[in-house]
Amino acid sequence: MLVLTIICSSFLGFSPPADKPLPVGPASFTMPFPESIKVFTYKPANYSKGPLLVVFHGAGRNAEEYRNHAIYMAEKFKAIVVAPRFDANRFSGDRYQRGGVLINGKPQAPSQWTYSIVRKLVNTVRAREGRADMQCYLIGHSAGGQFLGRMAAFMPGDACRIVACNPGSCLFPTRDLPYGYGFANLPPHLSSDEALRRYLASPLTLYLGTDDTMVTENFDSSSHAMRQGESRIERGRACFLMAQKLAAKNKWAFNWRKIEAKGVGHSAPGMFSAREVEDALFGPAQSISTRTRTVSARH
């Protein structure tokens, strides 16, 4: 890891040409649409048509650090990692953690949701790599986990798996809590039974550290969050259980998974390097080539 950190430092500020494949090692580029977004990247030296991992930072907005934390996954899974930075000046909690679905309580057009940037980023990387069918996995921690948990409800795209790590609060499949804790206060087409059904059918993994039980900086202690549980892991477990029961009651498809990383607290490096991360992203352990064939068959 020390060697990788040194390599990362030597590439600070390097931006590959916009029409070229991403370079081997750590780099960055700026995506100009719809807003200028700095994207930190990593491509393993032995990369060959592997998957794309899009990594989402926490409330610290430290996308470069998250890229570095994700190098372990890039090397292990022979994947490209990209980590976009959503700065606090332009992307408040409403725009980042809650995806821009509501701004000041008012519904926004889907084209204005922050989630739409993810689709454009994925397509940008696919175009640069010349692989329109490149399989994509999304993983985010803390605030990034909140972002992805709610994205799964409204704009999952074609992600093979959406992994929300240690979210501070969850989007419960209920109209008894306001958005972003539940589906109240949303327009009917975003809060109907059909919307809930789509949410439960999305490929969401709640990836929880068993030691994420402490009140840390940026912990959501609002009344709505405390109704979900007194700790992040309690909230994740309760959200999964509610979703599981609702799907069974209505005989709806349920594609969520819950994976717990034993002995890991509220730590992005800990979650990304835990042995359970492979299961969280790809399902039961199997070879990458087998996973690729399975995903390709589904599409």
C-alpha atoms as a PDB file:
ATOM      1  CA  MET A   1       0.000   0.000   0.000  1.00  0.00           C
ATOM      2  CA  LEU A   2       2.962   2.364   0.693  1.00  0.00           C
ATOM      3  CA  VAL A   3       4.187   1.868  -2.865  1.00  0.00           C
ATOM      4  CA  LEU A   4       0.747   2.642  -4.234  1.00  0.00           C
ATOM      5  CA  THR A   5       0.532   5.818  -2.124  1.00  0.00           C
ATOM      6  CA  ILE A   6       3.876   7.001  -3.509  1.00  0.00           C
ATOM      7  CA  ILE A   7       2.722   6.275  -7.039  1.00  0.00           C
ATOM      8  CA  CYS A   8      -0.489   8.217  -6.393  1.00  0.00           C
ATOM      9  CA  SER A   9       1.464  11.243  -5.191  1.00  0.00           C
ATOM     10  CA  SER A  10       3.540  11.286  -8.362  1.00  0.00           C
ATOM     11  CA  PHE A  11       0.444  11.525 -10.534  1.00  0.00           C
ATOM     12  CA  LEU A  12      -1.297  14.408  -8.734  1.00  0.00           C
ATOM     13  CA  GLY A  13      -2.961  16.695 -11.229  1.00  0.00           C
ATOM     14  CA  PHE A  14      -2.416  14.438 -14.265  1.00  0.00           C
ATOM     15  CA  SER A  15      -5.337  14.441 -16.682  1.00  0.00           C
ATOM     16  CA  PRO A  16      -5.445  12.053 -19.638  1.00  0.00           C
ATOM     17  CA  PRO A  17      -6.746  13.306 -22.993  1.00  0.00           C
ATOM     18  CA  ALA A  18     -10.546  13.223 -23.089  1.00  0.00           C
ATOM     19  CA  ASP A  19     -10.690  11.010 -26.179  1.00  0.00           C
ATOM     20  CA  LYS A  20      -8.195   8.396 -24.937  1.00  0.00           C
ATOM     21  CA  PRO A  21      -8.653   5.350 -22.706  1.00  0.00           C
ATOM     22  CA  LEU A  22      -7.882   5.948 -19.052  1.00  0.00           C
ATOM     23  CA  PRO A  23      -4.165   5.499 -18.313  1.00  0.00           C
ATOM     24  CA  VAL A  24      -2.713   2.771 -16.140  1.00  0.00           C
ATOM     25  CA  GLY A  25      -2.286   3.761 -12.494  1.00  0.00           C
ATOM     26  CA  PRO A  26      -3.798   6.757 -10.701  1.00  0.00           C
ATOM     27  CA  ALA A  27      -4.951   9.775 -12.692  1.00  0.00           C
ATOM     28  CA  SER A  28      -7.824  12.224 -12.917  1.00  0.00           C
ATOM     29  CA  PHE A  29      -9.954  14.028 -15.460  1.00  0.00           C
ATOM     30  CA  THR A  30     -12.679  16.652 -15.458  1.00  0.00           C
ATOM     31  CA  MET A  31     -16.087  15.794 -16.785  1.00  0.00           C
ATOM     32  CA  PRO A  32     -17.545  19.017 -18.242  1.00  0.00           C
ATOM     33  CA  PHE A  33     -21.219  18.137 -18.228  1.00  0.00           C
ATOM     34  CA  PRO A  34     -23.681  19.007 -16.852  1.00  0.00           C
ATOM     35  CA  GLU A  35     -21.372  20.671 -14.326  1.00  0.00           C
ATOM     36  CA  SER A  36     -17.612  20.479 -14.051  1.00  0.00           C
ATOM     37  CA  ILE A  37     -16.901  17.351 -11.996  1.00  0.00           C
ATOM     38  CA  LYS A  38     -13.381  16.238 -11.024  1.00  0.00           C
ATOM     39  CA  VAL A  39     -13.043  12.469 -11.358  1.00  0.00           C
ATOM     40  CA  PHE A  40     -10.162  10.509  -9.805  1.00  0.00           C
ATOM     41  CA  THR A  41      -9.301   7.245 -11.532  1.00  0.00           C
ATOM     42  CA  TYR A  42      -7.216   4.112 -11.188  1.00  0.00           C
ATOM     43  CA  LYS A  43      -6.528   1.390 -13.748  1.00  0.00           C
ATOM     44  CA  PRO A  44      -4.497  -1.721 -12.797  1.00  0.00           C
ATOM     45  CA  ALA A  45      -1.460  -2.580 -14.899  1.00  0.00           C
ATOM     46  CA  ASN A  46      -3.000  -5.964 -15.700  1.00  0.00           C
ATOM     47  CA  TYR A  47      -6.402  -4.543 -16.622  1.00  0.00           C
ATOM     48  CA  SER A  48      -8.142  -6.377 -19.458  1.00  0.00           C
ATOM     49  CA  LYS A  49     -11.863  -5.831 -20.041  1.00  0.00           C
ATOM     50  CA  GLY A  50     -12.724  -5.946 -16.341  1.00  0.00           C
ATOM     51  CA  PRO A  51     -15.649  -4.188 -14.656  1.00  0.00           C
ATOM     52  CA  LEU A  52     -16.026  -0.534 -13.717  1.00  0.00           C
ATOM     53  CA  LEU A  53     -16.305   0.422 -10.032  1.00  0.00           C
ATOM     54  CA  VAL A  54     -17.715   3.889  -9.381  1.00  0.00           C
ATOM     55  CA  VAL A  55     -16.810   4.963  -5.840  1.00  0.00           C
ATOM     56  CA  PHE A  56     -18.701   7.635  -3.879  1.00  0.00           C
ATOM     57  CA  HIS A  57     -17.104   9.603  -1.058  1.00  0.00           C
ATOM     58  CA  GLY A  58     -18.512  10.521   2.324  1.00  0.00           C
ATOM     59  CA  ALA A  59     -19.362  13.928   3.791  1.00  0.00           C
ATOM     60  CA  GLY A  60     -15.681  14.920   3.720  1.00  0.00           C
ATOM     61  CA  ARG A  61     -15.919  15.227  -0.091  1.00  0.00           C
ATOM     62  CA  ASN A  62     -12.497  13.525  -0.258  1.00  0.00           C
ATOM     63  CA  ALA A  63     -12.889  11.721  -3.574  1.00  0.00           C
ATOM     64  CA  GLU A  64      -9.137  11.405  -4.146  1.00  0.00           C
ATOM     65  CA  GLU A  65      -8.704   9.595  -0.832  1.00  0.00           C
ATOM     66  CA  TYR A  66     -11.620   7.324  -1.673  1.00  0.00           C
ATOM     67  CA  ARG A  67      -9.969   6.497  -5.007  1.00  0.00           C
ATOM     68  CA  ASN A  68      -6.854   5.562  -3.057  1.00  0.00           C
ATOM     69  CA  HIS A  69      -8.883   3.469  -0.603  1.00  0.00           C
ATOM     70  CA  ALA A  70     -10.402   1.643  -3.596  1.00  0.00           C
ATOM     71  CA  ILE A  71      -7.064   0.651  -5.171  1.00  0.00           C
ATOM     72  CA  TYR A  72      -7.253  -2.609  -3.229  1.00  0.00           C
ATOM     73  CA  MET A  73     -10.541  -3.438  -4.981  1.00  0.00           C
ATOM     74  CA  ALA A  74      -9.204  -2.333  -8.370  1.00  0.00           C
ATOM     75  CA  GLU A  75      -6.226  -4.678  -8.088  1.00  0.00           C
ATOM     76  CA  LYS A  76      -8.143  -7.588  -6.555  1.00  0.00           C
ATOM     77  CA  PHE A  77     -10.992  -7.506  -9.056  1.00  0.00           C
ATOM     78  CA  LYS A  78      -8.960  -6.218 -12.032  1.00  0.00           C
ATOM     79  CA  ALA A  79     -11.373  -3.315 -12.319  1.00  0.00           C
ATOM     80  CA  ILE A  80     -11.201   0.342 -13.290  1.00  0.00           C
ATOM     81  CA  VAL A  81     -12.074   2.648 -10.388  1.00  0.00           C
ATOM     82  CA  VAL A  82     -13.496   6.136 -10.867  1.00  0.00           C
ATOM     83  CA  ALA A  83     -14.357   8.433  -7.942  1.00  0.00           C
ATOM     84  CA  PRO A  84     -16.233  11.658  -8.750  1.00  0.00           C
ATOM     85  CA  ARG A  85     -16.019  14.603  -6.349  1.00  0.00           C
ATOM     86  CA  PHE A  86     -19.242  16.358  -5.371  1.00  0.00           C
ATOM     87  CA  ASP A  87     -18.043  19.524  -3.625  1.00  0.00           C
ATOM     88  CA  ALA A  88     -20.051  20.974  -0.747  1.00  0.00           C
ATOM     89  CA  ASN A  89     -20.453  24.411  -2.368  1.00  0.00           C
ATOM     90  CA  ARG A  90     -22.526  23.069  -5.243  1.00  0.00           C
ATOM     91  CA  PHE A  91     -23.771  19.788  -3.811  1.00  0.00           C
ATOM     92  CA  SER A  92     -25.510  20.317  -0.496  1.00  0.00           C
ATOM     93  CA  GLY A  93     -27.047  17.437   1.425  1.00  0.00           C
ATOM     94  CA  ASP A  94     -30.186  17.840  -0.669  1.00  0.00           C
ATOM     95  CA  ARG A  95     -28.152  17.475  -3.869  1.00  0.00           C
ATOM     96  CA  TYR A  96     -25.681  14.852  -2.695  1.00  0.00           C
ATOM     97  CA  GLN A  97     -27.032  12.565   0.026  1.00  0.00           C
ATOM     98  CA  ARG A  98     -30.598  12.995  -1.253  1.00  0.00           C
ATOM     99  CA  GLY A  99     -29.708  13.120  -4.938  1.00  0.00           C
ATOM    100  CA  GLY A 100     -31.427  16.405  -5.828  1.00  0.00           C
ATOM    101  CA  VAL A 101     -34.864  14.767  -6.027  1.00  0.00           C
ATOM    102  CA  LEU A 102     -36.247  17.583  -3.840  1.00  0.00           C
ATOM    103  CA  ILE A 103     -34.652  21.013  -3.491  1.00  0.00           C
ATOM    104  CA  ASN A 104     -36.111  23.185  -0.745  1.00  0.00           C
ATOM    105  CA  GLY A 105     -39.013  20.761  -0.645  1.00  0.00           C
ATOM    106  CA  LYS A 106     -39.813  21.132  -4.350  1.00  0.00           C
ATOM    107  CA  PRO A 107     -39.630  18.187  -6.792  1.00  0.00           C
ATOM    108  CA  GLN A 108     -37.004  18.508  -9.506  1.00  0.00           C
ATOM    109  CA  ALA A 109     -36.990  17.101 -13.023  1.00  0.00           C
ATOM    110  CA  PRO A 110     -35.034  13.828 -13.324  1.00  0.00           C
ATOM    111  CA  SER A 111     -32.563  15.549 -15.661  1.00  0.00           C
ATOM    112  CA  GLN A 112     -31.640  17.801 -12.719  1.00  0.00           C
ATOM    113  CA  TRP A 113     -31.081  14.990 -10.237  1.00  0.00           C
ATOM    114  CA  THR A 114     -27.470  14.413  -9.233  1.00  0.00           C
ATOM    115  CA  TYR A 115     -28.086  10.772 -10.108  1.00  0.00           C
ATOM    116  CA  SER A 116     -28.154  11.729 -13.788  1.00  0.00           C
ATOM    117  CA  ILE A 117     -24.468  12.697 -13.527  1.00  0.00           C
ATOM    118  CA  VAL A 118     -23.626   9.105 -12.618  1.00  0.00           C
ATOM    119  CA  ARG A 119     -25.175   7.770 -15.816  1.00  0.00           C
ATOM    120  CA  LYS A 120     -23.195  10.280 -17.872  1.00  0.00           C
ATOM    121  CA  LEU A 121     -19.977   9.428 -16.043  1.00  0.00           C
ATOM    122  CA  VAL A 122     -20.435   5.708 -16.644  1.00  0.00           C
ATOM    123  CA  ASN A 123     -21.143   6.289 -20.328  1.00  0.00           C
ATOM    124  CA  THR A 124     -18.095   8.572 -20.589  1.00  0.00           C
ATOM    125  CA  VAL A 125     -15.792   5.861 -19.238  1.00  0.00           C
ATOM    126  CA  ARG A 126     -17.401   3.225 -21.439  1.00  0.00           C
ATOM    127  CA  ALA A 127     -16.850   5.416 -24.511  1.00  0.00           C
ATOM    128  CA  ARG A 128     -13.226   6.110 -23.619  1.00  0.00           C
ATOM    129  CA  GLU A 129     -12.568   2.406 -23.094  1.00  0.00           C
ATOM    130  CA  GLY A 130     -14.463   1.490 -26.282  1.00  0.00           C
ATOM    131  CA  ARG A 131     -16.729  -0.877 -24.352  1.00  0.00           C
ATOM    132  CA  ALA A 132     -20.405   0.055 -24.462  1.00  0.00           C
ATOM    133  CA  ASP A 133     -21.239  -3.156 -22.574  1.00  0.00           C
ATOM    134  CA  MET A 134     -18.759  -2.577 -19.746  1.00  0.00           C
ATOM    135  CA  GLN A 135     -20.305  -3.899 -16.526  1.00  0.00           C
ATOM    136  CA  CYS A 136     -20.726  -1.279 -13.842  1.00  0.00           C
ATOM    137  CA  TYR A 137     -20.846  -1.562 -10.044  1.00  0.00           C
ATOM    138  CA  LEU A 138     -21.492   1.369  -7.701  1.00  0.00           C
ATOM    139  CA  ILE A 139     -20.142   1.529  -4.144  1.00  0.00           C
ATOM    140  CA  GLY A 140     -20.238   4.391  -1.641  1.00  0.00           C
ATOM    141  CA  HIS A 141     -19.570   4.830   2.056  1.00  0.00           C
ATOM    142  CA  SER A 142     -21.393   6.918   4.686  1.00  0.00           C
ATOM    143  CA  ALA A 143     -22.825   9.943   2.816  1.00  0.00           C
ATOM    144  CA  GLY A 144     -21.943   8.113  -0.405  1.00  0.00           C
ATOM    145  CA  GLY A 145     -23.914   5.128   0.902  1.00  0.00           C
ATOM    146  CA  GLN A 146     -26.897   7.395   1.484  1.00  0.00           C
ATOM    147  CA  PHE A 147     -26.574   8.739  -2.050  1.00  0.00           C
ATOM    148  CA  LEU A 148     -26.569   5.247  -3.551  1.00  0.00           C
ATOM    149  CA  GLY A 149     -29.302   3.849  -1.298  1.00  0.00           C
ATOM    150  CA  ARG A 150     -31.689   6.507  -2.572  1.00  0.00           C
ATOM    151  CA  MET A 151     -30.398   6.275  -6.128  1.00  0.00           C
ATOM    152  CA  ALA A 152     -31.490   2.627  -6.120  1.00  0.00           C
ATOM    153  CA  ALA A 153     -35.069   3.802  -5.689  1.00  0.00           C
ATOM    154  CA  PHE A 154     -35.179   6.369  -8.452  1.00  0.00           C
ATOM    155  CA  MET A 155     -32.442   5.925 -11.046  1.00  0.00           C
ATOM    156  CA  PRO A 156     -30.538   2.623 -10.677  1.00  0.00           C
ATOM    157  CA  GLY A 157     -29.586   2.618 -14.353  1.00  0.00           C
ATOM    158  CA  ASP A 158     -27.923  -0.554 -15.574  1.00  0.00           C
ATOM    159  CA  ALA A 159     -25.651  -1.055 -12.563  1.00  0.00           C
ATOM    160  CA  CYS A 160     -25.106  -4.739 -11.841  1.00  0.00           C
ATOM    161  CA  ARG A 161     -24.988  -3.971  -8.115  1.00  0.00           C
ATOM    162  CA  ILE A 162     -25.400  -0.830  -5.992  1.00  0.00           C
ATOM    163  CA  VAL A 163     -23.551  -1.122  -2.679  1.00  0.00           C
ATOM    164  CA  ALA A 164     -24.457   1.295   0.119  1.00  0.00           C
ATOM    165  CA  CYS A 165     -21.825   1.019   2.872  1.00  0.00           C
ATOM    166  CA  ASN A 166     -22.666   2.209   6.391  1.00  0.00           C
ATOM    167  CA  PRO A 167     -25.259   4.840   5.389  1.00  0.00           C
ATOM    168  CA  GLY A 168     -26.062   7.276   8.193  1.00  0.00           C
ATOM    169  CA  SER A 169     -29.751   6.983   7.371  1.00  0.00           C
ATOM    170  CA  CYS A 170     -31.679   4.829   4.937  1.00  0.00           C
ATOM    171  CA  LEU A 171     -34.593   5.278   2.585  1.00  0.00           C
ATOM    172  CA  PHE A 172     -37.195   3.063   4.235  1.00  0.00           C
ATOM    173  CA  PRO A 173     -39.890   1.696   1.863  1.00  0.00           C
ATOM    174  CA  THR A 174     -42.713   3.485   3.666  1.00  0.00           C
ATOM    175  CA  ARG A 175     -44.842   6.586   3.248  1.00  0.00           C
ATOM    176  CA  ASP A 176     -44.806   7.145   7.020  1.00  0.00           C
ATOM    177  CA  LEU A 177     -41.491   9.037   6.900  1.00  0.00           C
ATOM    178  CA  PRO A 178     -40.603  12.123   4.843  1.00  0.00           C
ATOM    179  CA  TYR A 179     -38.088  11.930   2.033  1.00  0.00           C
ATOM    180  CA  GLY A 180     -35.120  11.048   2.419  1.00  0.00           C
ATOM    181  CA  TYR A 181     -36.042   8.739   5.308  1.00  0.00           C
ATOM    182  CA  GLY A 182     -39.119   7.427   3.536  1.00  0.00           C
ATOM    183  CA  PHE A 183     -41.343   8.259   0.576  1.00  0.00           C
ATOM    184  CA  ALA A 184     -43.671  10.905   2.055  1.00  0.00           C
ATOM    185  CA  ASN A 185     -43.605  14.411   0.510  1.00  0.00           C
ATOM    186  CA  LEU A 186     -42.763  13.007  -2.920  1.00  0.00           C
ATOM    187  CA  PRO A 187     -44.969  13.290  -6.033  1.00  0.00           C
ATOM    188  CA  PRO A 188     -47.364  10.330  -6.483  1.00  0.00           C
ATOM    189  CA  HIS A 189     -45.354   8.788  -9.325  1.00  0.00           C
ATOM    190  CA  LEU A 190     -42.307   8.617  -7.026  1.00  0.00           C
ATOM    191  CA  SER A 191     -44.130   7.339  -3.929  1.00  0.00           C
ATOM    192  CA  SER A 192     -46.779   4.944  -5.271  1.00  0.00           C
ATOM    193  CA  ASP A 193     -46.858   1.217  -4.633  1.00  0.00           C
ATOM    194  CA  GLU A 194     -45.324   0.789  -8.070  1.00  0.00           C
ATOM    195  CA  ALA A 195     -42.423   3.043  -7.033  1.00  0.00           C
ATOM    196  CA  LEU A 196     -41.909   0.963  -3.899  1.00  0.00           C
ATOM    197  CA  ARG A 197     -42.042  -2.229  -5.964  1.00  0.00           C
ATOM    198  CA  ARG A 198     -39.341  -0.925  -8.304  1.00  0.00           C
ATOM    199  CA  TYR A 199     -37.198   0.038  -5.326  1.00  0.00           C
ATOM    200  CA  LEU A 200     -37.358  -3.448  -3.826  1.00  0.00           C
ATOM    201  CA  ALA A 201     -36.507  -4.979  -7.210  1.00  0.00           C
ATOM    202  CA  SER A 202     -33.342  -2.889  -7.564  1.00  0.00           C
ATOM    203  CA  PRO A 203     -29.910  -4.575  -7.143  1.00  0.00           C
ATOM    204  CA  LEU A 204     -29.159  -2.894  -3.812  1.00  0.00           C
ATOM    205  CA  THR A 205     -26.718  -4.247  -1.228  1.00  0.00           C
ATOM    206  CA  LEU A 206     -26.720  -2.797   2.276  1.00  0.00           C
ATOM    207  CA  TYR A 207     -23.109  -3.406   3.319  1.00  0.00           C
ATOM    208  CA  LEU A 208     -22.793  -2.827   7.052  1.00  0.00           C
ATOM    209  CA  GLY A 209     -19.872  -2.884   9.474  1.00  0.00           C
ATOM    210  CA  THR A 210     -20.803  -4.821  12.596  1.00  0.00           C
ATOM    211  CA  ASP A 211     -18.840  -2.357  14.764  1.00  0.00           C
ATOM    212  CA  ASP A 212     -20.455   0.760  13.278  1.00  0.00           C
ATOM    213  CA  THR A 213     -22.297   1.445  16.520  1.00  0.00           C
ATOM    214  CA  MET A 214     -20.755   4.721  17.709  1.00  0.00           C
ATOM    215  CA  VAL A 215     -22.003   8.277  17.289  1.00  0.00           C
ATOM    216  CA  THR A 216     -19.351   9.880  15.096  1.00  0.00           C
ATOM    217  CA  GLU A 217     -18.972  13.199  13.286  1.00  0.00           C
ATOM    218  CA  ASN A 218     -21.861  13.943  10.901  1.00  0.00           C
ATOM    219  CA  PHE A 219     -24.059  11.304  12.581  1.00  0.00           C
ATOM    220  CA  ASP A 220     -27.714  12.062  11.831  1.00  0.00           C
ATOM    221  CA  SER A 221     -29.465  12.409  15.187  1.00  0.00           C
ATOM    222  CA  SER A 222     -32.653  13.996  13.857  1.00  0.00           C
ATOM    223  CA  SER A 223     -35.981  12.644  15.094  1.00  0.00           C
ATOM    224  CA  HIS A 224     -36.695  10.931  11.765  1.00  0.00           C
ATOM    225  CA  ALA A 225     -33.291   9.245  11.728  1.00  0.00           C
ATOM    226  CA  MET A 226     -33.583   8.130  15.340  1.00  0.00           C
ATOM    227  CA  ARG A 227     -36.869   6.417  14.461  1.00  0.00           C
ATOM    228  CA  GLN A 228     -34.785   4.210  12.160  1.00  0.00           C
ATOM    229  CA  GLY A 229     -32.398   3.144  14.918  1.00  0.00           C
ATOM    230  CA  GLU A 230     -29.779   4.435  17.332  1.00  0.00           C
ATOM    231  CA  SER A 231     -26.793   3.479  15.188  1.00  0.00           C
ATOM    232  CA  ARG A 232     -25.980   3.106  11.522  1.00  0.00           C
ATOM    233  CA  ILE A 233     -25.981  -0.692  11.641  1.00  0.00           C
ATOM    234  CA  GLU A 234     -29.352  -0.737  13.431  1.00  0.00           C
ATOM    235  CA  ARG A 235     -30.787   1.498  10.704  1.00  0.00           C
ATOM    236  CA  GLY A 236     -29.410  -0.644   7.885  1.00  0.00           C
ATOM    237  CA  ARG A 237     -30.702  -3.848   9.438  1.00  0.00           C
ATOM    238  CA  ALA A 238     -34.130  -2.330  10.114  1.00  0.00           C
ATOM    239  CA  CYS A 239     -34.429  -0.991   6.562  1.00  0.00           C
ATOM    240  CA  PHE A 240     -33.554  -4.362   5.071  1.00  0.00           C
ATOM    241  CA  LEU A 241     -36.033  -6.178   7.336  1.00  0.00           C
ATOM    242  CA  MET A 242     -38.859  -3.771   6.473  1.00  0.00           C
ATOM    243  CA  ALA A 243     -38.130  -4.142   2.744  1.00  0.00           C
ATOM    244  CA  GLN A 244     -37.958  -7.918   2.999  1.00  0.00           C
ATOM    245  CA  LYS A 245     -41.293  -8.110   4.815  1.00  0.00           C
ATOM    246  CA  LEU A 246     -43.003  -5.698   2.394  1.00  0.00           C
ATOM    247  CA  ALA A 247     -41.825  -7.676  -0.624  1.00  0.00           C
ATOM    248  CA  ALA A 248     -43.025 -10.941   0.903  1.00  0.00           C
ATOM    249  CA  LYS A 249     -46.390  -9.451   1.867  1.00  0.00           C
ATOM    250  CA  ASN A 250     -47.059  -8.158  -1.650  1.00  0.00           C
ATOM    251  CA  LYS A 251     -45.301 -11.009  -3.470  1.00  0.00           C
ATOM    252  CA  TRP A 252     -42.947  -8.539  -5.112  1.00  0.00           C
ATOM    253  CA  ALA A 253     -39.492  -9.310  -6.469  1.00  0.00           C
ATOM    254  CA  PHE A 254     -36.836  -8.632  -3.846  1.00  0.00           C
ATOM    255  CA  ASN A 255     -33.291  -8.213  -5.138  1.00  0.00           C
ATOM    256  CA  TRP A 256     -31.690  -6.559  -2.133  1.00  0.00           C
ATOM    257  CA  ARG A 257     -28.873  -8.180  -0.202  1.00  0.00           C
ATOM    258  CA  LYS A 258     -27.487  -7.456   3.266  1.00  0.00           C
ATOM    259  CA  ILE A 259     -23.817  -8.191   3.907  1.00  0.00           C
ATOM    260  CA  GLU A 260     -22.088  -7.460   7.204  1.00  0.00           C
ATOM    261  CA  ALA A 261     -18.323  -6.913   7.550  1.00  0.00           C
ATOM    262  CA  LYS A 262     -17.335  -8.434  10.873  1.00  0.00           C
ATOM    263  CA  GLY A 263     -15.315  -6.223  13.205  1.00  0.00           C
ATOM    264  CA  VAL A 264     -15.390  -3.148  10.935  1.00  0.00           C
ATOM    265  CA  GLY A 265     -16.594   0.220  12.178  1.00  0.00           C
ATOM    266  CA  HIS A 266     -17.379   3.441  10.333  1.00  0.00           C
ATOM    267  CA  SER A 267     -14.375   3.208   8.014  1.00  0.00           C
ATOM    268  CA  ALA A 268     -14.274   3.353   4.227  1.00  0.00           C
ATOM    269  CA  PRO A 269     -10.801   1.729   4.030  1.00  0.00           C
ATOM    270  CA  GLY A 270     -11.999  -0.972   6.408  1.00  0.00           C
ATOM    271  CA  MET A 271     -15.120  -1.723   4.406  1.00  0.00           C
ATOM    272  CA  PHE A 272     -13.340  -1.624   1.033  1.00  0.00           C
ATOM    273  CA  SER A 273     -10.600  -4.010   2.164  1.00  0.00           C
ATOM    274  CA  ALA A 274     -12.755  -6.394   4.227  1.00  0.00           C
ATOM    275  CA  ARG A 275     -13.073  -9.910   2.843  1.00  0.00           C
ATOM    276  CA  GLU A 276     -16.861  -9.410   2.661  1.00  0.00           C
ATOM    277  CA  VAL A 277     -16.573  -6.655   0.026  1.00  0.00           C
ATOM    278  CA  GLU A 278     -16.364  -9.251  -2.757  1.00  0.00           C
ATOM    279  CA  ASP A 279     -19.662 -10.757  -1.641  1.00  0.00           C
ATOM    280  CA  ALA A 280     -21.222  -7.290  -1.304  1.00  0.00           C
ATOM    281  CA  LEU A 281     -20.295  -6.408  -4.889  1.00  0.00           C
ATOM    282  CA  PHE A 282     -20.475  -9.679  -6.763  1.00  0.00           C
ATOM    283  CA  GLY A 283     -22.362 -12.201  -4.655  1.00  0.00           C
ATOM    284  CA  PRO A 284     -21.086 -15.567  -3.404  1.00  0.00           C
ATOM    285  CA  ALA A 285     -17.396 -16.093  -4.095  1.00  0.00           C
ATOM    286  CA  GLN A 286     -16.612 -17.272  -7.602  1.00  0.00           C
ATOM    287  CA  SER A 287     -14.087 -16.376 -10.262  1.00  0.00           C
ATOM    288  CA  ILE A 288     -14.295 -12.973 -11.930  1.00  0.00           C
ATOM    289  CA  SER A 289     -14.550 -14.657 -15.339  1.00  0.00           C
ATOM    290  CA  THR A 290     -17.527 -16.708 -14.152  1.00  0.00           C
ATOM    291  CA  ARG A 291     -19.196 -13.604 -12.736  1.00  0.00           C
ATOM    292  CA  THR A 292     -18.649 -11.780 -16.014  1.00  0.00           C
ATOM    293  CA  ARG A 293     -20.275 -14.564 -18.021  1.00  0.00           C
ATOM    294  CA  THR A 294     -23.216 -14.681 -15.607  1.00  0.00           C
ATOM    295  CA  VAL A 295     -23.835 -10.932 -15.778  1.00  0.00           C
ATOM    296  CA  SER A 296     -23.468 -10.912 -19.547  1.00  0.00           C
ATOM    297  CA  ALA A 297     -26.077 -13.669 -19.823  1.00  0.00           C
ATOM    298  CA  ARG A 298     -28.527 -11.606 -17.757  1.00  0.00           C
ATOM    299  CA  HIS A 299     -28.147  -8.657 -20.101  1.00  0.00           C
END
